[in-house]
Structures are given as structure tokens and as C-alpha cells.
Amino acid sequence: MKNNISNLGEVTLNYKYHNPSIKDRPLITNATDAVEVIKLVIDMQRIALQEQFIVIYLNQANKVIGTMNVFSGSVKSTVIDIKLILASGILLMSSGVIVAHNHPSGNLKPSREDLTLTKRLSTALQYMEMTLVDHFIITPDDDYLSFANEGLI
């Protein structure tokens, strides 16, 4: 078998602002600001049905430069790929990252897996000179828990 470069896959990275103006983008200054953006990104029709995991990317001024509703799972868990979160953050040249997921049960208590993921993600982001600003759990009852406010980050 001969080696043929035309048989190899090709990776294409694409990034395009829909509106290049930074001034019109949401500014995250506190948990309330972040939750407003989370509610725009997460599928509110499925919030009581299955776990979803979203990512909000921020520039150095904490303006939102990108969002991703990236993972969906079952009623009690979802699988998160840290590499995908990092790759998108690098592509966006993000300085900060906020992540959020919902608990369809309405329970705001972080699971052991939630805490482990938060630590692993924070460490991975630091290697790429990005900061995990916060991790939120939101519920169908319009409640939320901020890991940063609770001292968990």
C-alpha cells in the first residue's frame, strides 16, 4: 500500500463574528449577568428533561465573544469533552470561560463529578492562559448555584 496524502482527513477551523462590534455584546460583571446569558444559550424547552452543558467565552474585558451549547446527556448526567472546550476557546482567543449545566431534578447541590470536572477544566484552561471564571448549576425552577460565589473555584 502506497502512502497517499489525498486520503488523509483535513481539519478546518472557522471563526466569524456575526456582528464585529464589541460594544453590543453582553458584559459579565456578576452571576446575574452570567445567568441571563446562560438562559439565552441553554435550551429552556429541555431544561427539566435532560442535562445540557454550555460554555460562554469571554475576552479580557469580560465581554461575551462566543457561546456553545455543546453537550447534552440524560436526565442525570452528560459527558463533557474538555478538549473541545479548550479548542473552541483557543480559536476564539478567549481569556475567560464560564460553564453551566442544568440539573433537571431541581437539586442545586454539585455532585462529586461536578466538582472534579470543575477542577480538571480549571487546570486545563490555565495551561492555555484562560481562566475558568465560574461554573453554574441551573434548575427548571429558575434557581442557580455559582461555584465562584460558593468558593468552589
C-alpha atoms as a PDB file:
ATOM      1  CA  MET A   1       0.000   0.000   0.000  1.00  0.00           C
ATOM      2  CA  LYS A   2       1.386   3.372  -1.014  1.00  0.00           C
ATOM      3  CA  ASN A   3       1.089   6.391   1.195  1.00  0.00           C
ATOM      4  CA  ASN A   4      -1.221   8.930  -0.355  1.00  0.00           C
ATOM      5  CA  ILE A   5      -1.749  12.282   1.294  1.00  0.00           C
ATOM      6  CA  SER A   6      -5.070  12.750  -0.526  1.00  0.00           C
ATOM      7  CA  ASN A   7      -6.546  10.007   1.669  1.00  0.00           C
ATOM      8  CA  LEU A   8      -5.880  11.927   4.869  1.00  0.00           C
ATOM      9  CA  GLY A   9      -8.521  13.971   6.640  1.00  0.00           C
ATOM     10  CA  GLU A  10      -8.312  17.738   6.750  1.00  0.00           C
ATOM     11  CA  VAL A  11      -9.047  19.906   9.771  1.00  0.00           C
ATOM     12  CA  THR A  12     -10.641  23.246   9.041  1.00  0.00           C
ATOM     13  CA  LEU A  13     -11.065  25.911  11.688  1.00  0.00           C
ATOM     14  CA  ASN A  14     -13.561  28.653  11.045  1.00  0.00           C
ATOM     15  CA  TYR A  15     -14.385  31.738  13.059  1.00  0.00           C
ATOM     16  CA  LYS A  16     -16.601  34.605  12.061  1.00  0.00           C
ATOM     17  CA  TYR A  17     -18.286  37.312  14.105  1.00  0.00           C
ATOM     18  CA  HIS A  18     -21.896  37.867  13.068  1.00  0.00           C
ATOM     19  CA  ASN A  19     -21.536  41.413  14.351  1.00  0.00           C
ATOM     20  CA  PRO A  20     -17.940  42.638  14.611  1.00  0.00           C
ATOM     21  CA  SER A  21     -18.802  45.374  17.126  1.00  0.00           C
ATOM     22  CA  ILE A  22     -17.696  44.538  20.675  1.00  0.00           C
ATOM     23  CA  LYS A  23     -19.756  47.317  22.278  1.00  0.00           C
ATOM     24  CA  ASP A  24     -23.072  45.487  21.704  1.00  0.00           C
ATOM     25  CA  ARG A  25     -22.001  42.215  23.320  1.00  0.00           C
ATOM     26  CA  PRO A  26     -23.095  41.251  26.832  1.00  0.00           C
ATOM     27  CA  LEU A  27     -20.718  42.209  29.630  1.00  0.00           C
ATOM     28  CA  ILE A  28     -20.424  39.755  32.515  1.00  0.00           C
ATOM     29  CA  THR A  29     -19.828  41.585  35.800  1.00  0.00           C
ATOM     30  CA  ASN A  30     -21.603  39.245  38.212  1.00  0.00           C
ATOM     31  CA  ALA A  31     -23.550  35.994  38.500  1.00  0.00           C
ATOM     32  CA  THR A  32     -26.830  37.617  37.445  1.00  0.00           C
ATOM     33  CA  ASP A  33     -25.290  38.807  34.164  1.00  0.00           C
ATOM     34  CA  ALA A  34     -23.927  35.325  33.501  1.00  0.00           C
ATOM     35  CA  VAL A  35     -27.256  33.620  34.228  1.00  0.00           C
ATOM     36  CA  GLU A  36     -29.015  35.937  31.745  1.00  0.00           C
ATOM     37  CA  VAL A  37     -26.639  34.776  29.002  1.00  0.00           C
ATOM     38  CA  ILE A  38     -26.927  31.129  30.099  1.00  0.00           C
ATOM     39  CA  LYS A  39     -30.707  31.314  29.693  1.00  0.00           C
ATOM     40  CA  LEU A  40     -30.228  32.599  26.136  1.00  0.00           C
ATOM     41  CA  VAL A  41     -27.937  29.714  25.204  1.00  0.00           C
ATOM     42  CA  ILE A  42     -29.416  26.712  27.013  1.00  0.00           C
ATOM     43  CA  ASP A  43     -32.478  25.043  25.500  1.00  0.00           C
ATOM     44  CA  MET A  44     -35.129  26.062  28.030  1.00  0.00           C
ATOM     45  CA  GLN A  45     -37.596  23.606  26.450  1.00  0.00           C
ATOM     46  CA  ARG A  46     -35.387  20.726  27.659  1.00  0.00           C
ATOM     47  CA  ILE A  47     -34.175  22.123  30.987  1.00  0.00           C
ATOM     48  CA  ALA A  48     -36.407  19.782  33.015  1.00  0.00           C
ATOM     49  CA  LEU A  49     -35.817  16.848  30.662  1.00  0.00           C
ATOM     50  CA  GLN A  50     -32.096  16.282  30.190  1.00  0.00           C
ATOM     51  CA  GLU A  51     -28.762  17.698  31.274  1.00  0.00           C
ATOM     52  CA  GLN A  52     -27.151  20.221  28.960  1.00  0.00           C
ATOM     53  CA  PHE A  53     -23.708  21.765  29.246  1.00  0.00           C
ATOM     54  CA  ILE A  54     -22.958  25.174  27.826  1.00  0.00           C
ATOM     55  CA  VAL A  55     -19.842  27.293  27.540  1.00  0.00           C
ATOM     56  CA  ILE A  56     -19.536  31.074  27.412  1.00  0.00           C
ATOM     57  CA  TYR A  57     -16.262  32.527  26.151  1.00  0.00           C
ATOM     58  CA  LEU A  58     -15.105  35.955  27.309  1.00  0.00           C
ATOM     59  CA  ASN A  59     -12.479  38.440  26.185  1.00  0.00           C
ATOM     60  CA  GLN A  60     -10.172  40.219  28.656  1.00  0.00           C
ATOM     61  CA  ALA A  61     -12.882  42.793  29.412  1.00  0.00           C
ATOM     62  CA  ASN A  62     -15.415  40.012  30.259  1.00  0.00           C
ATOM     63  CA  LYS A  63     -17.443  40.683  27.114  1.00  0.00           C
ATOM     64  CA  VAL A  64     -19.040  37.602  25.584  1.00  0.00           C
ATOM     65  CA  ILE A  65     -17.220  36.639  22.382  1.00  0.00           C
ATOM     66  CA  GLY A  66     -18.827  33.247  21.844  1.00  0.00           C
ATOM     67  CA  THR A  67     -21.168  30.639  23.282  1.00  0.00           C
ATOM     68  CA  MET A  68     -21.713  26.960  22.742  1.00  0.00           C
ATOM     69  CA  ASN A  69     -24.472  24.585  23.818  1.00  0.00           C
ATOM     70  CA  VAL A  70     -22.029  21.780  23.478  1.00  0.00           C
ATOM     71  CA  PHE A  71     -23.132  18.661  25.310  1.00  0.00           C
ATOM     72  CA  SER A  72     -26.472  17.015  26.071  1.00  0.00           C
ATOM     73  CA  GLY A  73     -26.987  13.913  28.112  1.00  0.00           C
ATOM     74  CA  SER A  74     -29.510  12.000  30.134  1.00  0.00           C
ATOM     75  CA  VAL A  75     -31.759  13.114  32.973  1.00  0.00           C
ATOM     76  CA  LYS A  76     -28.882  12.807  35.442  1.00  0.00           C
ATOM     77  CA  SER A  77     -25.577  13.194  33.596  1.00  0.00           C
ATOM     78  CA  THR A  78     -23.743  14.249  30.476  1.00  0.00           C
ATOM     79  CA  VAL A  79     -20.279  13.517  29.131  1.00  0.00           C
ATOM     80  CA  ILE A  80     -18.002  16.555  28.800  1.00  0.00           C
ATOM     81  CA  ASP A  81     -15.024  16.715  26.414  1.00  0.00           C
ATOM     82  CA  ILE A  82     -12.536  19.215  27.828  1.00  0.00           C
ATOM     83  CA  LYS A  83     -10.537  19.172  24.574  1.00  0.00           C
ATOM     84  CA  LEU A  84     -13.498  20.584  22.657  1.00  0.00           C
ATOM     85  CA  ILE A  85     -13.948  23.367  25.221  1.00  0.00           C
ATOM     86  CA  LEU A  86     -10.237  24.221  25.011  1.00  0.00           C
ATOM     87  CA  ALA A  87     -10.097  24.068  21.215  1.00  0.00           C
ATOM     88  CA  SER A  88     -13.008  26.476  20.882  1.00  0.00           C
ATOM     89  CA  GLY A  89     -11.503  28.800  23.489  1.00  0.00           C
ATOM     90  CA  ILE A  90      -8.200  28.867  21.636  1.00  0.00           C
ATOM     91  CA  LEU A  91      -9.937  29.520  18.323  1.00  0.00           C
ATOM     92  CA  LEU A  92     -11.807  32.443  19.896  1.00  0.00           C
ATOM     93  CA  MET A  93      -8.632  33.700  21.652  1.00  0.00           C
ATOM     94  CA  SER A  94     -10.689  33.653  24.830  1.00  0.00           C
ATOM     95  CA  SER A  95      -9.347  34.960  28.124  1.00  0.00           C
ATOM     96  CA  GLY A  96     -12.136  33.663  30.326  1.00  0.00           C
ATOM     97  CA  VAL A  97     -14.624  30.830  30.293  1.00  0.00           C
ATOM     98  CA  ILE A  98     -17.903  30.341  32.108  1.00  0.00           C
ATOM     99  CA  VAL A  99     -19.537  26.925  32.033  1.00  0.00           C
ATOM    100  CA  ALA A 100     -23.004  25.935  33.112  1.00  0.00           C
ATOM    101  CA  HIS A 101     -25.167  22.886  33.242  1.00  0.00           C
ATOM    102  CA  ASN A 102     -28.664  22.167  34.414  1.00  0.00           C
ATOM    103  CA  HIS A 103     -29.943  19.697  36.965  1.00  0.00           C
ATOM    104  CA  PRO A 104     -33.379  18.586  35.719  1.00  0.00           C
ATOM    105  CA  SER A 105     -34.151  17.299  39.225  1.00  0.00           C
ATOM    106  CA  GLY A 106     -34.035  20.831  40.642  1.00  0.00           C
ATOM    107  CA  ASN A 107     -31.238  19.877  43.064  1.00  0.00           C
ATOM    108  CA  LEU A 108     -28.624  22.646  43.273  1.00  0.00           C
ATOM    109  CA  LYS A 109     -26.032  20.584  45.151  1.00  0.00           C
ATOM    110  CA  PRO A 110     -22.932  19.906  42.999  1.00  0.00           C
ATOM    111  CA  SER A 111     -22.137  16.225  42.584  1.00  0.00           C
ATOM    112  CA  ARG A 112     -18.673  14.807  43.127  1.00  0.00           C
ATOM    113  CA  GLU A 113     -18.397  14.597  39.328  1.00  0.00           C
ATOM    114  CA  ASP A 114     -19.328  18.293  39.014  1.00  0.00           C
ATOM    115  CA  LEU A 115     -16.569  19.251  41.452  1.00  0.00           C
ATOM    116  CA  THR A 116     -13.989  17.004  39.769  1.00  0.00           C
ATOM    117  CA  LEU A 117     -14.838  18.345  36.311  1.00  0.00           C
ATOM    118  CA  THR A 118     -14.572  21.927  37.540  1.00  0.00           C
ATOM    119  CA  LYS A 119     -11.089  21.304  38.928  1.00  0.00           C
ATOM    120  CA  ARG A 120      -9.895  19.465  35.806  1.00  0.00           C
ATOM    121  CA  LEU A 121     -11.313  22.124  33.478  1.00  0.00           C
ATOM    122  CA  SER A 122      -9.825  24.975  35.514  1.00  0.00           C
ATOM    123  CA  THR A 123      -6.384  23.354  35.396  1.00  0.00           C
ATOM    124  CA  ALA A 124      -6.588  22.650  31.654  1.00  0.00           C
ATOM    125  CA  LEU A 125      -7.675  26.226  30.905  1.00  0.00           C
ATOM    126  CA  GLN A 126      -4.790  27.624  32.940  1.00  0.00           C
ATOM    127  CA  TYR A 127      -2.335  25.811  30.666  1.00  0.00           C
ATOM    128  CA  MET A 128      -3.853  27.706  27.741  1.00  0.00           C
ATOM    129  CA  GLU A 129      -3.736  31.039  29.633  1.00  0.00           C
ATOM    130  CA  MET A 130      -7.508  31.091  30.079  1.00  0.00           C
ATOM    131  CA  THR A 131      -9.388  31.380  33.359  1.00  0.00           C
ATOM    132  CA  LEU A 132     -12.419  29.440  34.495  1.00  0.00           C
ATOM    133  CA  VAL A 133     -14.454  32.403  35.743  1.00  0.00           C
ATOM    134  CA  ASP A 134     -17.384  30.375  37.063  1.00  0.00           C
ATOM    135  CA  HIS A 135     -19.382  27.181  36.797  1.00  0.00           C
ATOM    136  CA  PHE A 136     -23.133  27.388  37.257  1.00  0.00           C
ATOM    137  CA  ILE A 137     -25.800  24.826  38.004  1.00  0.00           C
ATOM    138  CA  ILE A 138     -29.262  25.986  36.997  1.00  0.00           C
ATOM    139  CA  THR A 139     -32.622  24.348  37.601  1.00  0.00           C
ATOM    140  CA  PRO A 140     -36.051  24.323  35.944  1.00  0.00           C
ATOM    141  CA  ASP A 141     -37.277  26.291  38.989  1.00  0.00           C
ATOM    142  CA  ASP A 142     -35.181  29.313  37.911  1.00  0.00           C
ATOM    143  CA  ASP A 143     -32.668  28.754  40.732  1.00  0.00           C
ATOM    144  CA  TYR A 144     -28.924  28.678  40.271  1.00  0.00           C
ATOM    145  CA  LEU A 145     -25.719  27.980  42.120  1.00  0.00           C
ATOM    146  CA  SER A 146     -22.466  29.805  41.302  1.00  0.00           C
ATOM    147  CA  PHE A 147     -19.345  27.782  42.119  1.00  0.00           C
ATOM    148  CA  ALA A 148     -17.378  31.056  42.390  1.00  0.00           C
ATOM    149  CA  ASN A 149     -19.862  32.580  44.847  1.00  0.00           C
ATOM    150  CA  GLU A 150     -19.761  29.375  46.920  1.00  0.00           C
ATOM    151  CA  GLY A 151     -15.927  29.338  46.998  1.00  0.00           C
ATOM    152  CA  LEU A 152     -15.763  26.144  44.904  1.00  0.00           C
ATOM    153  CA  ILE A 153     -13.439  27.636  42.271  1.00  0.00           C
END
